[in-house]
Amino acid sequence: MSAGILPTVELQMTLLLFFALAGYLLASRINQSAVVGEILLGLIVGPSVLGLITYTEFVQAIAGLGAVILMFVIGFEFKIKDLTNVNYGILGIIGIIVPWIGGYFVSLAFGFNHESALFIGTALTATSIAITANVLKEMCLLDTEFAKAIIGTAVIDDILSLLALSITADIASGSFSIESLAFIIIKQVGFLIIIAVIGLFVISKMIVRMDRSPIAKKYPEFVFIFAVMIAFLFAALSEFIGISAIIGAFIAGVSFNGINLIHSRDIAEGAEYLYIIFASIFFVSLGILVDLTALTGPVLLFIAVITVLAIITKVIGCGIPARILGYSKRDSLAIGFGMSPRGEVAMIVALLGLNLSLIGQDIYTSIVVMSILTTVITPIVFRNWLFKKEVAECRLE
């Protein structure tokens, strides 16, 4: 890397962290989650308004690291048994089917062709685990039953969303078959089981042995570096298999939960410091992605419709089944709204559709803006309606 490039990268990092701090100040002024403040600030400083920073490859890379680290940290709040609940599978499957069907038929009603409608429906199936998990963490609600249901269902939902993306891409290209679908399902589910078993029964025991070794006594940070390396390795392997990288990082965090260290620095505590920096940049980047200058009257109407549809289909697809399965009315609503943020997963779907020339810039922008809006609406609903009292108590702790 030449000396001329270094200041550019350093300046981008400075601006990203400055805007992250400004996002906190904005969130404080409007009494909202830091996530909301960071996304709104990103939108303001991005191409849509001030144009101070754009979504460069560097920003994209740092934001990707932020999402991975965020889910690694969130994983420490859960145990494997929290993710194997049959109810979560039921919620995840219904929570995929309802938005996919709704998005497909509404898109056809707006005059889009079959392939574009399929991609829009697929984008509506997604759930951004990172967004909801961060909001729940901020509100001190991660240890609740409904929060575990949201995260467990969202993990399944994310896998199913990417499966839906594979199916949609195959249908659009004319190469879809039952055999290819079965292979994708077996490959992805099998992979998650394998890395979970390796993390729990191999890597965790290796970490304990490392902690008791002379090198850990001399270098307490040794084990932490190893754990973070494994988290990124699991993330990389997940992406290679066709699953979102954040799922692999999440499984790593879950695998390392409860490890008793004697000589080494606490893994979860160390990861928290990485999370503070990189997750903030991730949320700012979601706002930077939006270019409001591409919007027209018809596109704005479509965005409004699919945003409402995106929320309603998750509340219906996940909230109603949750109520039937025995969750309280408030927890069922929380599960429905908690599954609503589309975030980076829907953006990945939109980007693939754009690159394959199956959707135009108008649909791409619509999906990105819808993703931002659902991301912003969920923490507002949680903080100002469903869990207003809990938020106040959390602030006092």
Protein backbone atom coordinates (compact mmCIF):
# COMPACT_ATOMS: atom_id res chain seq x y z
CA MET A 1 0.00 0.00 0.00
CA SER A 2 1.49 3.36 -1.00
CA ALA A 3 1.90 6.31 1.34
CA GLY A 4 -0.64 8.27 -0.67
CA ILE A 5 -3.43 5.78 0.07
CA LEU A 6 -2.87 5.53 3.81
CA PRO A 7 -4.22 9.00 4.74
CA THR A 8 -7.42 8.27 2.78
CA VAL A 9 -8.09 5.09 4.74
CA GLU A 10 -7.20 6.78 8.03
CA LEU A 11 -9.44 9.72 7.24
CA GLN A 12 -12.35 7.41 6.41
CA MET A 13 -11.87 5.61 9.73
CA THR A 14 -11.75 8.95 11.56
CA LEU A 15 -14.96 10.11 9.88
CA LEU A 16 -16.77 6.83 10.54
CA LEU A 17 -15.94 6.93 14.26
CA PHE A 18 -16.79 10.63 14.45
CA PHE A 19 -20.18 9.99 12.86
CA ALA A 20 -20.73 7.03 15.18
CA LEU A 21 -20.18 9.35 18.14
CA ALA A 22 -22.50 11.92 16.57
CA GLY A 23 -25.08 9.15 16.16
CA TYR A 24 -25.00 8.56 19.92
CA LEU A 25 -25.57 12.27 20.54
CA LEU A 26 -28.46 12.32 18.05
CA ALA A 27 -30.01 9.21 19.66
CA SER A 28 -29.75 10.85 23.08
CA ARG A 29 -31.49 14.01 21.84
CA ILE A 30 -34.40 12.11 20.26
CA ASN A 31 -34.53 9.53 23.08
CA GLN A 32 -33.95 6.53 20.83
CA SER A 33 -31.63 3.56 20.56
CA ALA A 34 -28.04 4.26 19.53
CA VAL A 35 -28.72 2.08 16.47
CA VAL A 36 -31.38 4.52 15.27
CA GLY A 37 -29.10 7.51 15.82
CA GLU A 38 -26.19 5.90 13.98
CA ILE A 39 -28.29 4.86 10.98
CA LEU A 40 -29.95 8.29 10.70
CA LEU A 41 -26.58 10.02 11.02
CA GLY A 42 -25.18 7.74 8.31
CA LEU A 43 -28.06 8.73 6.03
CA ILE A 44 -27.43 12.43 6.70
CA VAL A 45 -23.67 12.34 6.05
CA GLY A 46 -23.97 9.89 3.14
CA PRO A 47 -24.70 10.60 -0.54
CA SER A 48 -28.38 11.31 0.15
CA VAL A 49 -27.87 14.60 2.00
CA LEU A 50 -24.40 16.00 2.76
CA GLY A 51 -22.25 13.60 0.71
CA LEU A 52 -19.40 13.70 3.25
CA ILE A 53 -18.70 9.97 2.95
CA THR A 54 -19.64 7.24 0.49
CA TYR A 55 -19.98 3.45 0.75
CA THR A 56 -16.46 2.61 -0.40
CA GLU A 57 -14.89 -0.85 -0.37
CA PHE A 58 -13.12 0.14 2.84
CA VAL A 59 -16.38 1.15 4.54
CA GLN A 60 -18.00 -2.06 3.33
CA ALA A 61 -15.13 -4.16 4.70
CA ILE A 62 -15.11 -2.46 8.11
CA ALA A 63 -18.91 -2.67 8.34
CA GLY A 64 -18.73 -6.38 7.53
CA LEU A 65 -16.23 -6.87 10.35
CA GLY A 66 -18.62 -4.99 12.63
CA ALA A 67 -21.52 -7.32 11.86
CA VAL A 68 -19.33 -10.39 12.47
CA ILE A 69 -17.97 -9.08 15.79
CA LEU A 70 -21.46 -7.99 16.87
CA MET A 71 -22.86 -11.48 16.42
CA PHE A 72 -19.81 -13.06 18.07
CA VAL A 73 -20.53 -10.96 21.16
CA ILE A 74 -24.26 -11.70 21.06
CA GLY A 75 -23.45 -15.42 20.93
CA PHE A 76 -22.04 -15.30 24.46
CA GLU A 77 -25.55 -14.63 25.75
CA PHE A 78 -26.90 -17.95 24.47
CA LYS A 79 -26.48 -21.70 24.83
CA ILE A 80 -26.83 -24.25 22.03
CA LYS A 81 -30.04 -25.59 23.59
CA ASP A 82 -31.58 -22.12 23.13
CA LEU A 83 -31.27 -22.61 19.35
CA THR A 84 -32.62 -26.15 19.06
CA ASN A 85 -36.17 -25.40 20.21
CA VAL A 86 -38.71 -26.89 17.77
CA ASN A 87 -40.91 -23.81 18.25
CA TYR A 88 -38.19 -21.63 16.73
CA GLY A 89 -38.20 -23.81 13.62
CA ILE A 90 -41.97 -23.43 13.30
CA LEU A 91 -41.77 -19.65 13.71
CA GLY A 92 -38.88 -19.45 11.24
CA ILE A 93 -40.62 -21.44 8.50
CA ILE A 94 -43.93 -19.56 8.73
CA GLY A 95 -42.02 -16.29 9.08
CA ILE A 96 -40.39 -17.01 5.72
CA ILE A 97 -43.44 -18.21 3.79
CA VAL A 98 -45.82 -15.33 4.63
CA PRO A 99 -43.44 -12.46 3.58
CA TRP A 100 -42.31 -14.33 0.47
CA ILE A 101 -45.88 -14.83 -0.77
CA GLY A 102 -46.93 -11.29 0.25
CA GLY A 103 -43.94 -9.64 -1.41
CA TYR A 104 -44.36 -11.65 -4.61
CA PHE A 105 -48.04 -10.83 -5.19
CA VAL A 106 -47.77 -7.16 -4.18
CA SER A 107 -44.85 -6.75 -6.60
CA LEU A 108 -46.90 -8.32 -9.39
CA ALA A 109 -49.71 -5.88 -8.54
CA PHE A 110 -47.25 -3.01 -9.05
CA GLY A 111 -46.50 -4.29 -12.53
CA PHE A 112 -43.12 -5.95 -11.95
CA ASN A 113 -42.30 -9.12 -13.87
CA HIS A 114 -42.12 -12.63 -12.40
CA GLU A 115 -38.34 -12.63 -11.76
CA SER A 116 -38.32 -9.19 -10.10
CA ALA A 117 -41.32 -10.14 -7.94
CA LEU A 118 -39.51 -13.29 -6.80
CA PHE A 119 -36.47 -11.26 -5.74
CA ILE A 120 -38.58 -8.70 -3.90
CA GLY A 121 -40.43 -11.50 -2.08
CA THR A 122 -37.09 -13.08 -1.18
CA ALA A 123 -35.78 -9.77 0.20
CA LEU A 124 -38.84 -9.58 2.47
CA THR A 125 -38.09 -13.00 3.98
CA ALA A 126 -34.84 -11.83 5.53
CA THR A 127 -34.31 -10.87 9.16
CA SER A 128 -31.28 -8.92 10.36
CA ILE A 129 -30.23 -10.70 13.54
CA ALA A 130 -27.55 -8.10 14.18
CA ILE A 131 -30.02 -5.21 14.39
CA THR A 132 -32.58 -6.78 16.72
CA ALA A 133 -29.93 -8.44 18.89
CA ASN A 134 -28.16 -5.13 19.41
CA VAL A 135 -31.41 -3.37 20.36
CA LEU A 136 -32.28 -6.14 22.85
CA LYS A 137 -28.78 -5.93 24.29
CA GLU A 138 -29.07 -2.14 24.72
CA MET A 139 -32.39 -2.59 26.53
CA CYS A 140 -31.09 -5.32 28.91
CA LEU A 141 -33.59 -7.82 27.47
CA LEU A 142 -31.29 -10.46 25.96
CA ASP A 143 -31.86 -12.94 28.80
CA THR A 144 -35.67 -13.00 28.39
CA GLU A 145 -37.56 -15.92 26.85
CA PHE A 146 -38.98 -13.87 23.98
CA ALA A 147 -35.48 -12.54 23.17
CA LYS A 148 -34.16 -16.09 22.97
CA ALA A 149 -37.09 -16.93 20.71
CA ILE A 150 -36.26 -13.96 18.45
CA ILE A 151 -32.57 -14.83 18.16
CA GLY A 152 -33.15 -18.57 17.78
CA THR A 153 -35.85 -17.98 15.16
CA ALA A 154 -33.75 -15.31 13.41
CA VAL A 155 -30.82 -17.72 13.04
CA ILE A 156 -33.15 -20.26 11.40
CA ASP A 157 -34.83 -17.45 9.45
CA ASP A 158 -31.49 -16.22 8.10
CA ILE A 159 -30.55 -19.69 6.91
CA LEU A 160 -33.96 -20.14 5.28
CA SER A 161 -33.73 -16.66 3.68
CA LEU A 162 -30.44 -17.53 2.03
CA LEU A 163 -31.95 -20.86 0.98
CA ALA A 164 -34.85 -18.90 -0.55
CA LEU A 165 -32.29 -16.71 -2.31
CA SER A 166 -30.61 -19.79 -3.80
CA ILE A 167 -33.97 -21.09 -5.01
CA THR A 168 -34.93 -17.70 -6.47
CA ALA A 169 -31.62 -17.36 -8.30
CA ASP A 170 -31.99 -20.89 -9.72
CA ILE A 171 -35.59 -20.25 -10.84
CA ALA A 172 -34.57 -16.97 -12.47
CA SER A 173 -31.71 -18.68 -14.31
CA GLY A 174 -33.87 -21.69 -15.20
CA SER A 175 -31.66 -24.20 -13.35
CA PHE A 176 -33.91 -24.98 -10.36
CA SER A 177 -34.50 -28.60 -9.40
CA ILE A 178 -35.66 -30.56 -6.36
CA GLU A 179 -32.26 -32.28 -6.24
CA SER A 180 -30.38 -28.97 -6.04
CA LEU A 181 -32.74 -27.73 -3.30
CA ALA A 182 -32.23 -30.91 -1.23
CA PHE A 183 -28.47 -30.59 -1.62
CA ILE A 184 -28.49 -26.97 -0.43
CA ILE A 185 -30.58 -27.83 2.65
CA ILE A 186 -28.41 -30.81 3.62
CA LYS A 187 -25.21 -28.84 3.03
CA GLN A 188 -26.18 -25.80 5.10
CA VAL A 189 -27.85 -27.59 8.02
CA GLY A 190 -25.09 -30.20 8.14
CA PHE A 191 -22.42 -27.52 8.17
CA LEU A 192 -24.01 -25.66 11.10
CA ILE A 193 -24.26 -28.86 13.11
CA ILE A 194 -20.63 -29.72 12.38
CA ILE A 195 -19.18 -26.33 13.40
CA ALA A 196 -21.38 -26.24 16.52
CA VAL A 197 -20.07 -29.67 17.57
CA ILE A 198 -16.48 -28.68 16.79
CA GLY A 199 -16.87 -25.41 18.70
CA LEU A 200 -18.44 -27.04 21.75
CA PHE A 201 -16.42 -30.22 22.06
CA VAL A 202 -13.10 -29.47 20.37
CA ILE A 203 -12.28 -25.74 20.28
CA SER A 204 -13.69 -25.01 23.75
CA LYS A 205 -11.56 -27.77 25.30
CA MET A 206 -8.52 -26.49 23.39
CA ILE A 207 -9.11 -23.03 24.88
CA VAL A 208 -9.29 -24.45 28.40
CA ARG A 209 -6.00 -26.34 27.86
CA MET A 210 -4.39 -23.21 26.42
CA ASP A 211 -5.50 -21.22 29.44
CA ARG A 212 -3.69 -23.68 31.74
CA SER A 213 -0.50 -23.59 29.66
CA PRO A 214 2.66 -21.59 30.46
CA ILE A 215 2.19 -19.35 27.40
CA ALA A 216 -1.22 -18.16 28.68
CA LYS A 217 0.33 -17.36 32.06
CA LYS A 218 2.97 -15.27 30.33
CA TYR A 219 0.65 -13.76 27.68
CA PRO A 220 -2.96 -13.48 29.05
CA GLU A 221 -4.17 -12.14 25.69
CA PHE A 222 -3.09 -15.28 23.80
CA VAL A 223 -6.37 -17.16 24.30
CA PHE A 224 -8.47 -14.12 23.34
CA ILE A 225 -6.64 -13.73 20.03
CA PHE A 226 -7.16 -17.45 19.33
CA ALA A 227 -10.91 -17.21 20.10
CA VAL A 228 -11.38 -14.21 17.79
CA MET A 229 -9.43 -16.03 15.07
CA ILE A 230 -11.83 -19.00 15.37
CA ALA A 231 -14.83 -16.64 15.20
CA PHE A 232 -13.59 -15.20 11.89
CA LEU A 233 -12.70 -18.69 10.64
CA PHE A 234 -16.25 -19.91 11.35
CA ALA A 235 -17.58 -16.76 9.64
CA ALA A 236 -15.41 -17.35 6.57
CA LEU A 237 -16.40 -21.02 6.34
CA SER A 238 -20.09 -20.09 6.67
CA GLU A 239 -19.82 -17.66 3.78
CA PHE A 240 -18.00 -20.26 1.71
CA ILE A 241 -20.85 -22.75 2.28
CA GLY A 242 -23.46 -20.14 1.33
CA ILE A 243 -24.63 -19.03 4.77
CA SER A 244 -24.26 -15.50 6.12
CA ALA A 245 -20.88 -14.98 7.81
CA ILE A 246 -22.57 -13.59 10.92
CA ILE A 247 -24.18 -17.00 11.58
CA GLY A 248 -20.75 -18.64 11.84
CA ALA A 249 -19.52 -15.93 14.22
CA PHE A 250 -22.67 -16.32 16.30
CA ILE A 251 -22.13 -20.09 16.59
CA ALA A 252 -18.55 -19.42 17.73
CA GLY A 253 -19.78 -17.09 20.48
CA VAL A 254 -22.38 -19.63 21.61
CA SER A 255 -19.72 -22.37 21.64
CA PHE A 256 -17.41 -20.34 23.90
CA ASN A 257 -20.15 -19.32 26.34
CA GLY A 258 -19.43 -20.45 29.91
CA ILE A 259 -15.73 -21.30 29.44
CA ASN A 260 -13.97 -20.87 32.78
CA LEU A 261 -10.62 -19.12 32.30
CA ILE A 262 -8.01 -18.80 35.04
CA HIS A 263 -4.95 -17.12 33.55
CA SER A 264 -6.34 -15.56 30.35
CA ARG A 265 -8.28 -12.39 29.67
CA ASP A 266 -12.04 -12.87 29.48
CA ILE A 267 -13.03 -13.53 25.85
CA ALA A 268 -16.48 -11.93 26.05
CA GLU A 269 -15.15 -8.81 27.75
CA GLY A 270 -12.39 -8.40 25.17
CA ALA A 271 -14.83 -8.91 22.30
CA GLU A 272 -17.05 -6.17 23.77
CA TYR A 273 -14.35 -3.59 23.10
CA LEU A 274 -14.04 -4.67 19.48
CA TYR A 275 -17.84 -4.58 19.24
CA ILE A 276 -18.04 -0.99 20.52
CA ILE A 277 -15.89 0.24 17.62
CA PHE A 278 -16.81 -1.94 14.68
CA ALA A 279 -20.52 -2.47 15.34
CA SER A 280 -20.99 1.30 15.51
CA ILE A 281 -19.43 1.63 12.07
CA PHE A 282 -21.68 -1.15 10.78
CA PHE A 283 -24.82 0.75 11.80
CA VAL A 284 -23.55 4.05 10.38
CA SER A 285 -22.80 2.25 7.09
CA LEU A 286 -26.44 1.14 6.74
CA GLY A 287 -27.44 4.80 6.52
CA ILE A 288 -24.59 5.67 4.15
CA LEU A 289 -25.86 3.01 1.72
CA VAL A 290 -29.05 4.95 0.95
CA ASP A 291 -29.15 7.35 -1.99
CA LEU A 292 -32.45 9.21 -1.74
CA THR A 293 -31.78 11.13 -4.98
CA ALA A 294 -32.76 7.98 -6.91
CA LEU A 295 -36.31 8.11 -5.55
CA THR A 296 -39.36 9.08 -7.62
CA GLY A 297 -43.08 9.32 -6.81
CA PRO A 298 -43.99 5.76 -7.88
CA VAL A 299 -40.89 4.37 -6.16
CA LEU A 300 -41.79 6.18 -2.93
CA LEU A 301 -45.27 4.67 -3.04
CA PHE A 302 -43.81 1.20 -3.60
CA ILE A 303 -41.37 1.70 -0.70
CA ALA A 304 -44.22 2.72 1.61
CA VAL A 305 -46.26 -0.34 0.64
CA ILE A 306 -43.46 -2.92 0.95
CA THR A 307 -42.26 -1.39 4.25
CA VAL A 308 -45.71 -1.78 5.78
CA LEU A 309 -45.97 -5.22 4.19
CA ALA A 310 -42.53 -6.19 5.53
CA ILE A 311 -43.60 -5.44 9.11
CA ILE A 312 -47.13 -6.86 8.89
CA THR A 313 -46.01 -10.15 7.31
CA LYS A 314 -43.47 -10.76 10.07
CA VAL A 315 -45.93 -9.81 12.82
CA ILE A 316 -48.47 -12.19 11.25
CA GLY A 317 -45.98 -14.88 10.22
CA CYS A 318 -44.11 -14.97 13.54
CA GLY A 319 -46.33 -13.17 16.07
CA ILE A 320 -49.53 -15.15 15.55
CA PRO A 321 -47.78 -18.57 15.62
CA ALA A 322 -45.92 -17.42 18.76
CA ARG A 323 -49.25 -16.63 20.43
CA ILE A 324 -50.60 -20.05 19.43
CA LEU A 325 -47.46 -21.67 20.86
CA GLY A 326 -48.15 -20.12 24.27
CA TYR A 327 -46.26 -16.81 24.36
CA SER A 328 -48.02 -13.83 25.95
CA LYS A 329 -49.63 -11.16 23.78
CA ARG A 330 -46.81 -8.69 24.39
CA ASP A 331 -44.06 -11.26 23.84
CA SER A 332 -45.78 -12.44 20.62
CA LEU A 333 -45.88 -8.88 19.33
CA ALA A 334 -42.25 -8.44 20.36
CA ILE A 335 -41.27 -11.57 18.42
CA GLY A 336 -43.16 -10.31 15.34
CA PHE A 337 -41.66 -6.81 15.46
CA GLY A 338 -38.26 -8.20 16.49
CA MET A 339 -38.17 -10.25 13.29
CA SER A 340 -39.07 -7.22 11.15
CA PRO A 341 -35.67 -5.52 10.55
CA ARG A 342 -34.36 -6.63 7.15
CA GLY A 343 -30.95 -4.92 7.41
CA GLU A 344 -27.95 -6.24 5.53
CA VAL A 345 -29.51 -9.59 4.49
CA ALA A 346 -32.17 -7.93 2.32
CA MET A 347 -29.48 -5.66 0.87
CA ILE A 348 -27.45 -8.73 -0.13
CA VAL A 349 -30.50 -10.13 -1.93
CA ALA A 350 -31.09 -6.80 -3.68
CA LEU A 351 -27.45 -6.50 -4.73
CA LEU A 352 -27.47 -10.01 -6.23
CA GLY A 353 -30.65 -9.24 -8.17
CA LEU A 354 -29.10 -6.01 -9.48
CA ASN A 355 -25.86 -7.75 -10.49
CA LEU A 356 -27.85 -10.44 -12.34
CA SER A 357 -29.86 -7.69 -14.12
CA LEU A 358 -33.07 -9.18 -12.72
CA ILE A 359 -34.05 -5.95 -10.96
CA GLY A 360 -33.40 -2.32 -11.80
CA GLN A 361 -31.95 0.53 -9.76
CA ASP A 362 -35.45 1.54 -8.66
CA ILE A 363 -36.18 -1.84 -7.05
CA TYR A 364 -32.68 -2.00 -5.57
CA THR A 365 -33.12 1.42 -3.95
CA SER A 366 -36.61 0.45 -2.76
CA ILE A 367 -35.32 -2.66 -0.99
CA VAL A 368 -32.43 -0.77 0.60
CA VAL A 369 -34.70 2.01 1.89
CA MET A 370 -37.24 -0.56 3.12
CA SER A 371 -34.43 -2.31 4.97
CA ILE A 372 -33.40 0.94 6.65
CA LEU A 373 -36.99 1.85 7.58
CA THR A 374 -37.75 -1.55 9.14
CA THR A 375 -34.44 -1.32 10.99
CA VAL A 376 -35.36 2.08 12.44
CA ILE A 377 -39.01 1.26 13.24
CA THR A 378 -38.34 -1.84 15.37
CA PRO A 379 -36.26 -0.16 18.13
CA ILE A 380 -38.77 2.71 18.22
CA VAL A 381 -41.63 0.24 18.78
CA PHE A 382 -39.67 -1.61 21.46
CA ARG A 383 -38.48 1.46 23.35
CA ASN A 384 -41.60 3.60 23.14
CA TRP A 385 -44.40 1.04 23.27
CA LEU A 386 -43.72 -2.58 24.15
CA PHE A 387 -40.91 -2.17 26.70
CA LYS A 388 -41.01 1.46 27.81
CA LYS A 389 -40.86 0.51 31.50
CA GLU A 390 -38.00 -1.97 31.02
CA VAL A 391 -35.98 0.64 29.12
CA ALA A 392 -36.30 3.08 32.02
CA GLU A 393 -35.21 0.39 34.52
CA CYS A 394 -32.28 -0.59 32.31
CA ARG A 395 -31.00 2.99 32.31
CA LEU A 396 -31.00 3.03 36.11
CA GLU A 397 -28.80 -0.06 36.37
